[in-house]
PDB file of N, CA and C in Angstrom:
ATOM      1  N   UNK A   1     -73.503 -74.987 -19.223  1.00  0.00           N
ATOM      2  CA  UNK A   1     -72.902 -75.101 -18.119  1.00  0.00           C
ATOM      3  C   UNK A   1     -72.169 -73.388 -17.962  1.00  0.00           C
ATOM      4  N   UNK A   2     -72.174 -72.739 -16.926  1.00  0.00           N
ATOM      5  CA  UNK A   2     -71.489 -71.395 -16.772  1.00  0.00           C
ATOM      6  C   UNK A   2     -70.369 -71.398 -16.256  1.00  0.00           C
ATOM      7  N   UNK A   3     -69.197 -70.687 -16.735  1.00  0.00           N
ATOM      8  CA  UNK A   3     -67.911 -70.784 -16.184  1.00  0.00           C
ATOM      9  C   UNK A   3     -67.688 -70.195 -14.617  1.00  0.00           C
ATOM     10  N   UNK A   4     -67.109 -71.127 -14.131  1.00  0.00           N
ATOM     11  CA  UNK A   4     -67.166 -70.719 -12.507  1.00  0.00           C
ATOM     12  C   UNK A   4     -66.385 -69.409 -12.258  1.00  0.00           C
ATOM     13  N   UNK A   5     -65.512 -68.936 -13.685  1.00  0.00           N
ATOM     14  CA  UNK A   5     -64.814 -67.698 -13.426  1.00  0.00           C
ATOM     15  C   UNK A   5     -65.307 -66.522 -13.832  1.00  0.00           C
ATOM     16  N   UNK A   6     -66.663 -66.934 -14.280  1.00  0.00           N
ATOM     17  CA  UNK A   6     -67.409 -65.801 -14.144  1.00  0.00           C
ATOM     18  C   UNK A   6     -68.652 -65.666 -13.376  1.00  0.00           C
ATOM     19  N   UNK A   7     -68.656 -66.328 -12.491  1.00  0.00           N
ATOM     20  CA  UNK A   7     -69.774 -66.386 -11.474  1.00  0.00           C
ATOM     21  C   UNK A   7     -69.392 -65.974 -10.128  1.00  0.00           C
ATOM     22  N   UNK A   8     -69.735 -64.709  -9.663  1.00  0.00           N
ATOM     23  CA  UNK A   8     -69.071 -64.132  -8.520  1.00  0.00           C
ATOM     24  C   UNK A   8     -68.971 -64.614  -7.129  1.00  0.00           C
ATOM     25  N   UNK A   9     -69.799 -65.659  -6.954  1.00  0.00           N
ATOM     26  CA  UNK A   9     -69.886 -66.630  -6.017  1.00  0.00           C
ATOM     27  C   UNK A   9     -68.440 -67.631  -5.753  1.00  0.00           C
ATOM     28  N   UNK A  10     -67.649 -68.045  -6.985  1.00  0.00           N
ATOM     29  CA  UNK A  10     -66.493 -68.874  -7.014  1.00  0.00           C
ATOM     30  C   UNK A  10     -65.458 -67.844  -6.783  1.00  0.00           C
ATOM     31  N   UNK A  11     -65.656 -66.459  -7.002  1.00  0.00           N
ATOM     32  CA  UNK A  11     -64.404 -65.801  -7.140  1.00  0.00           C
ATOM     33  C   UNK A  11     -63.450 -65.758  -5.616  1.00  0.00           C
ATOM     34  N   UNK A  12     -62.359 -65.786  -5.716  1.00  0.00           N
ATOM     35  CA  UNK A  12     -61.536 -65.792  -4.621  1.00  0.00           C
ATOM     36  C   UNK A  12     -60.431 -64.182  -4.565  1.00  0.00           C
ATOM     37  N   UNK A  13     -59.902 -64.325  -3.682  1.00  0.00           N
ATOM     38  CA  UNK A  13     -59.255 -62.912  -3.563  1.00  0.00           C
ATOM     39  C   UNK A  13     -57.817 -63.416  -3.049  1.00  0.00           C
ATOM     40  N   UNK A  14     -56.792 -62.688  -3.603  1.00  0.00           N
ATOM     41  CA  UNK A  14     -55.739 -62.758  -2.757  1.00  0.00           C
ATOM     42  C   UNK A  14     -55.081 -61.599  -2.507  1.00  0.00           C
ATOM     43  N   UNK A  15     -54.000 -61.413  -1.668  1.00  0.00           N
ATOM     44  CA  UNK A  15     -53.661 -60.387  -1.377  1.00  0.00           C
ATOM     45  C   UNK A  15     -51.990 -60.370  -1.541  1.00  0.00           C
ATOM     46  N   UNK A  16     -51.575 -59.504  -2.480  1.00  0.00           N
ATOM     47  CA  UNK A  16     -50.228 -59.443  -2.997  1.00  0.00           C
ATOM     48  C   UNK A  16     -49.581 -58.194  -2.847  1.00  0.00           C
ATOM     49  N   UNK A  17     -48.408 -58.215  -2.722  1.00  0.00           N
ATOM     50  CA  UNK A  17     -47.517 -56.844  -2.382  1.00  0.00           C
ATOM     51  C   UNK A  17     -46.964 -56.442  -3.604  1.00  0.00           C
ATOM     52  N   UNK A  18     -46.958 -55.129  -3.733  1.00  0.00           N
ATOM     53  CA  UNK A  18     -46.479 -54.537  -4.833  1.00  0.00           C
ATOM     54  C   UNK A  18     -44.945 -54.590  -4.721  1.00  0.00           C
ATOM     55  N   UNK A  19     -44.650 -54.891  -5.853  1.00  0.00           N
ATOM     56  CA  UNK A  19     -43.106 -55.010  -5.940  1.00  0.00           C
ATOM     57  C   UNK A  19     -42.297 -53.904  -5.926  1.00  0.00           C
ATOM     58  N   UNK A  20     -43.088 -52.727  -6.247  1.00  0.00           N
ATOM     59  CA  UNK A  20     -42.239 -51.396  -6.419  1.00  0.00           C
ATOM     60  C   UNK A  20     -42.387 -50.608  -4.949  1.00  0.00           C
ATOM     61  N   UNK A  21     -43.565 -50.634  -4.516  1.00  0.00           N
ATOM     62  CA  UNK A  21     -43.628 -49.743  -3.138  1.00  0.00           C
ATOM     63  C   UNK A  21     -44.293 -50.474  -1.924  1.00  0.00           C
ATOM     64  N   UNK A  22     -44.447 -51.995  -2.170  1.00  0.00           N
ATOM     65  CA  UNK A  22     -44.834 -52.617  -0.964  1.00  0.00           C
ATOM     66  C   UNK A  22     -46.410 -52.950  -0.391  1.00  0.00           C
ATOM     67  N   UNK A  23     -46.903 -51.745  -1.040  1.00  0.00           N
ATOM     68  CA  UNK A  23     -48.488 -51.925  -0.883  1.00  0.00           C
ATOM     69  C   UNK A  23     -49.191 -53.263  -1.105  1.00  0.00           C
ATOM     70  N   UNK A  24     -49.958 -53.375  -0.315  1.00  0.00           N
ATOM     71  CA  UNK A  24     -50.810 -54.623  -0.106  1.00  0.00           C
ATOM     72  C   UNK A  24     -52.117 -54.324  -1.089  1.00  0.00           C
ATOM     73  N   UNK A  25     -52.108 -55.169  -2.266  1.00  0.00           N
ATOM     74  CA  UNK A  25     -53.208 -55.122  -3.368  1.00  0.00           C
ATOM     75  C   UNK A  25     -53.985 -56.346  -3.459  1.00  0.00           C
ATOM     76  N   UNK A  26     -55.183 -56.050  -3.411  1.00  0.00           N
ATOM     77  CA  UNK A  26     -56.290 -57.118  -3.749  1.00  0.00           C
ATOM     78  C   UNK A  26     -56.103 -57.548  -5.225  1.00  0.00           C
ATOM     79  N   UNK A  27     -56.519 -58.812  -5.399  1.00  0.00           N
ATOM     80  CA  UNK A  27     -56.271 -59.242  -6.817  1.00  0.00           C
ATOM     81  C   UNK A  27     -57.130 -60.619  -6.836  1.00  0.00           C
ATOM     82  N   UNK A  28     -58.386 -60.454  -7.759  1.00  0.00           N
ATOM     83  CA  UNK A  28     -59.303 -61.568  -7.661  1.00  0.00           C
ATOM     84  C   UNK A  28     -58.972 -62.703  -8.670  1.00  0.00           C
ATOM     85  N   UNK A  29     -59.294 -64.273  -8.700  1.00  0.00           N
ATOM     86  CA  UNK A  29     -59.071 -64.828  -9.273  1.00  0.00           C
ATOM     87  C   UNK A  29     -59.485 -65.007 -10.969  1.00  0.00           C
ATOM     88  N   UNK A  30     -60.322 -63.811 -11.063  1.00  0.00           N
ATOM     89  CA  UNK A  30     -60.770 -63.489 -12.720  1.00  0.00           C
ATOM     90  C   UNK A  30     -59.640 -62.581 -13.237  1.00  0.00           C
ATOM     91  N   UNK A  31     -58.600 -62.216 -12.423  1.00  0.00           N
ATOM     92  CA  UNK A  31     -58.135 -60.988 -12.984  1.00  0.00           C
ATOM     93  C   UNK A  31     -56.536 -61.388 -13.113  1.00  0.00           C
ATOM     94  N   UNK A  32     -55.877 -61.135 -13.964  1.00  0.00           N
ATOM     95  CA  UNK A  32     -54.411 -61.297 -14.194  1.00  0.00           C
ATOM     96  C   UNK A  32     -53.628 -60.183 -13.685  1.00  0.00           C
ATOM     97  N   UNK A  33     -54.041 -59.066 -13.914  1.00  0.00           N
ATOM     98  CA  UNK A  33     -53.072 -57.847 -12.931  1.00  0.00           C
ATOM     99  C   UNK A  33     -54.292 -56.979 -12.667  1.00  0.00           C
ATOM    100  N   UNK A  34     -53.490 -56.129 -11.943  1.00  0.00           N
ATOM    101  CA  UNK A  34     -54.196 -54.781 -11.263  1.00  0.00           C
ATOM    102  C   UNK A  34     -53.201 -53.874 -10.975  1.00  0.00           C
ATOM    103  N   UNK A  35     -53.768 -52.659 -11.015  1.00  0.00           N
ATOM    104  CA  UNK A  35     -52.755 -51.473 -10.792  1.00  0.00           C
ATOM    105  C   UNK A  35     -52.752 -51.139  -9.227  1.00  0.00           C
ATOM    106  N   UNK A  36     -51.529 -51.166  -8.550  1.00  0.00           N
ATOM    107  CA  UNK A  36     -51.462 -50.411  -7.555  1.00  0.00           C
ATOM    108  C   UNK A  36     -51.879 -48.920  -7.254  1.00  0.00           C
ATOM    109  N   UNK A  37     -52.643 -49.220  -6.276  1.00  0.00           N
ATOM    110  CA  UNK A  37     -53.646 -47.947  -6.280  1.00  0.00           C
ATOM    111  C   UNK A  37     -52.727 -46.817  -5.609  1.00  0.00           C
ATOM    112  N   UNK A  38     -51.478 -47.166  -5.029  1.00  0.00           N
ATOM    113  CA  UNK A  38     -50.211 -45.987  -4.618  1.00  0.00           C
ATOM    114  C   UNK A  38     -49.553 -45.700  -5.769  1.00  0.00           C
ATOM    115  N   UNK A  39     -48.712 -46.581  -6.275  1.00  0.00           N
ATOM    116  CA  UNK A  39     -47.603 -45.914  -7.043  1.00  0.00           C
ATOM    117  C   UNK A  39     -48.011 -46.495  -8.640  1.00  0.00           C
ATOM    118  N   UNK A  40     -49.226 -46.894  -9.068  1.00  0.00           N
ATOM    119  CA  UNK A  40     -49.597 -47.014 -10.195  1.00  0.00           C
ATOM    120  C   UNK A  40     -48.873 -48.417 -11.143  1.00  0.00           C
ATOM    121  N   UNK A  41     -47.953 -49.188 -10.598  1.00  0.00           N
ATOM    122  CA  UNK A  41     -47.422 -50.138 -11.084  1.00  0.00           C
ATOM    123  C   UNK A  41     -48.373 -51.333 -11.079  1.00  0.00           C
ATOM    124  N   UNK A  42     -48.423 -52.375 -12.156  1.00  0.00           N
ATOM    125  CA  UNK A  42     -49.018 -53.507 -12.072  1.00  0.00           C
ATOM    126  C   UNK A  42     -48.428 -54.633 -11.046  1.00  0.00           C
ATOM    127  N   UNK A  43     -49.394 -55.193 -10.690  1.00  0.00           N
ATOM    128  CA  UNK A  43     -48.932 -56.342  -9.606  1.00  0.00           C
ATOM    129  C   UNK A  43     -49.840 -57.702 -10.432  1.00  0.00           C
ATOM    130  N   UNK A  44     -49.114 -58.335 -10.757  1.00  0.00           N
ATOM    131  CA  UNK A  44     -49.765 -59.508 -11.527  1.00  0.00           C
ATOM    132  C   UNK A  44     -49.767 -60.877 -10.607  1.00  0.00           C
ATOM    133  N   UNK A  45     -50.687 -61.479 -10.904  1.00  0.00           N
ATOM    134  CA  UNK A  45     -51.096 -63.300 -10.370  1.00  0.00           C
ATOM    135  C   UNK A  45     -49.952 -64.123 -10.475  1.00  0.00           C
ATOM    136  N   UNK A  46     -49.629 -64.857  -9.565  1.00  0.00           N
ATOM    137  CA  UNK A  46     -48.597 -65.869  -9.725  1.00  0.00           C
ATOM    138  C   UNK A  46     -49.084 -66.885 -10.443  1.00  0.00           C
ATOM    139  N   UNK A  47     -50.246 -67.312 -10.380  1.00  0.00           N
ATOM    140  CA  UNK A  47     -50.708 -68.424 -11.028  1.00  0.00           C
ATOM    141  C   UNK A  47     -51.498 -68.180 -12.381  1.00  0.00           C
ATOM    142  N   UNK A  48     -51.381 -69.042 -13.452  1.00  0.00           N
ATOM    143  CA  UNK A  48     -51.769 -68.751 -14.730  1.00  0.00           C
ATOM    144  C   UNK A  48     -53.409 -68.414 -14.416  1.00  0.00           C
ATOM    145  N   UNK A  49     -53.929 -67.571 -15.150  1.00  0.00           N
ATOM    146  CA  UNK A  49     -55.371 -67.122 -15.399  1.00  0.00           C
ATOM    147  C   UNK A  49     -55.996 -68.260 -16.479  1.00  0.00           C
ATOM    148  N   UNK A  50     -57.176 -68.628 -16.151  1.00  0.00           N
ATOM    149  CA  UNK A  50     -57.921 -69.411 -17.090  1.00  0.00           C
ATOM    150  C   UNK A  50     -57.712 -68.805 -18.680  1.00  0.00           C
ATOM    151  N   UNK A  51     -57.402 -67.183 -18.576  1.00  0.00           N
ATOM    152  CA  UNK A  51     -57.515 -66.766 -19.979  1.00  0.00           C
ATOM    153  C   UNK A  51     -56.306 -67.402 -20.879  1.00  0.00           C
ATOM    154  N   UNK A  52     -55.054 -67.803 -20.120  1.00  0.00           N
ATOM    155  CA  UNK A  52     -53.865 -68.582 -20.744  1.00  0.00           C
ATOM    156  C   UNK A  52     -54.269 -69.655 -20.816  1.00  0.00           C
ATOM    157  N   UNK A  53     -55.185 -70.533 -20.208  1.00  0.00           N
ATOM    158  CA  UNK A  53     -54.839 -72.140 -20.690  1.00  0.00           C
ATOM    159  C   UNK A  53     -56.335 -72.721 -21.125  1.00  0.00           C
ATOM    160  N   UNK A  54     -57.499 -71.948 -20.860  1.00  0.00           N
ATOM    161  CA  UNK A  54     -58.559 -72.435 -21.180  1.00  0.00           C
ATOM    162  C   UNK A  54     -59.463 -72.253 -22.744  1.00  0.00           C
ATOM    163  N   UNK A  55     -59.663 -73.242 -23.434  1.00  0.00           N
ATOM    164  CA  UNK A  55     -59.925 -73.252 -24.737  1.00  0.00           C
ATOM    165  C   UNK A  55     -61.033 -72.183 -25.114  1.00  0.00           C
ATOM    166  N   UNK A  56     -61.941 -72.288 -24.211  1.00  0.00           N
ATOM    167  CA  UNK A  56     -63.179 -71.497 -24.062  1.00  0.00           C
ATOM    168  C   UNK A  56     -62.988 -69.825 -23.596  1.00  0.00           C
ATOM    169  N   UNK A  57     -61.800 -69.466 -23.292  1.00  0.00           N
ATOM    170  CA  UNK A  57     -61.856 -68.191 -22.433  1.00  0.00           C
ATOM    171  C   UNK A  57     -62.451 -67.144 -23.689  1.00  0.00           C
ATOM    172  N   UNK A  58     -61.869 -67.099 -24.839  1.00  0.00           N
ATOM    173  CA  UNK A  58     -62.298 -66.036 -25.629  1.00  0.00           C
ATOM    174  C   UNK A  58     -63.789 -65.876 -25.653  1.00  0.00           C
ATOM    175  N   UNK A  59     -64.666 -67.304 -25.775  1.00  0.00           N
ATOM    176  CA  UNK A  59     -66.016 -67.176 -26.073  1.00  0.00           C
ATOM    177  C   UNK A  59     -66.545 -66.915 -24.880  1.00  0.00           C
ATOM    178  N   UNK A  60     -65.982 -67.439 -23.214  1.00  0.00           N
ATOM    179  CA  UNK A  60     -66.265 -66.748 -22.375  1.00  0.00           C
ATOM    180  C   UNK A  60     -66.558 -65.425 -21.918  1.00  0.00           C
ATOM    181  N   UNK A  61     -65.425 -64.796 -21.944  1.00  0.00           N
ATOM    182  CA  UNK A  61     -65.325 -63.292 -21.692  1.00  0.00           C
ATOM    183  C   UNK A  61     -65.557 -62.572 -22.762  1.00  0.00           C
ATOM    184  N   UNK A  62     -65.366 -62.742 -24.079  1.00  0.00           N
ATOM    185  CA  UNK A  62     -65.672 -61.705 -25.231  1.00  0.00           C
ATOM    186  C   UNK A  62     -64.302 -61.656 -25.961  1.00  0.00           C
ATOM    187  N   UNK A  63     -64.309 -61.607 -27.007  1.00  0.00           N
ATOM    188  CA  UNK A  63     -63.126 -61.545 -28.011  1.00  0.00           C
ATOM    189  C   UNK A  63     -62.163 -60.222 -27.699  1.00  0.00           C
ATOM    190  N   UNK A  64     -63.051 -59.154 -27.640  1.00  0.00           N
ATOM    191  CA  UNK A  64     -62.446 -57.802 -26.986  1.00  0.00           C
ATOM    192  C   UNK A  64     -61.834 -57.855 -25.864  1.00  0.00           C
ATOM    193  N   UNK A  65     -62.502 -58.247 -24.846  1.00  0.00           N
ATOM    194  CA  UNK A  65     -61.910 -58.227 -23.454  1.00  0.00           C
ATOM    195  C   UNK A  65     -60.282 -59.266 -23.329  1.00  0.00           C
ATOM    196  N   UNK A  66     -60.936 -60.443 -24.228  1.00  0.00           N
ATOM    197  CA  UNK A  66     -59.620 -61.564 -24.252  1.00  0.00           C
ATOM    198  C   UNK A  66     -58.600 -60.886 -24.937  1.00  0.00           C
ATOM    199  N   UNK A  67     -58.533 -60.254 -26.117  1.00  0.00           N
ATOM    200  CA  UNK A  67     -57.579 -59.746 -27.004  1.00  0.00           C
ATOM    201  C   UNK A  67     -56.752 -58.785 -26.009  1.00  0.00           C
ATOM    202  N   UNK A  68     -57.503 -57.660 -25.300  1.00  0.00           N
ATOM    203  CA  UNK A  68     -57.105 -56.620 -24.482  1.00  0.00           C
ATOM    204  C   UNK A  68     -56.129 -57.524 -22.961  1.00  0.00           C
ATOM    205  N   UNK A  69     -56.571 -58.789 -22.276  1.00  0.00           N
ATOM    206  CA  UNK A  69     -55.824 -59.361 -21.495  1.00  0.00           C
ATOM    207  C   UNK A  69     -54.817 -59.964 -22.120  1.00  0.00           C
ATOM    208  N   UNK A  70     -54.895 -60.837 -23.193  1.00  0.00           N
ATOM    209  CA  UNK A  70     -53.844 -60.953 -23.935  1.00  0.00           C
ATOM    210  C   UNK A  70     -52.824 -60.543 -24.278  1.00  0.00           C
ATOM    211  N   UNK A  71     -52.723 -59.361 -24.863  1.00  0.00           N
ATOM    212  CA  UNK A  71     -51.943 -58.128 -25.246  1.00  0.00           C
ATOM    213  C   UNK A  71     -50.831 -57.786 -23.818  1.00  0.00           C
ATOM    214  N   UNK A  72     -51.702 -57.801 -23.064  1.00  0.00           N
ATOM    215  CA  UNK A  72     -50.844 -57.427 -21.646  1.00  0.00           C
ATOM    216  C   UNK A  72     -50.390 -58.398 -20.886  1.00  0.00           C
TER     217      UNK A  72
END
């Protein structure tokens, strides 16, 4: 079974306003945060990512990417 989070057919996009400048930023369901193109601040998803709760997340996305996301 392939993780739905890695299959682009199941990705969804949300539009969030940057808390610093109000710019509307797209953030996909496989992302925890994105950088605002206008002010370079980070915009975070409001719901937890599977990175936070799935016990297979490290295997799914790879240890390097998992550590990078968990540190931020």
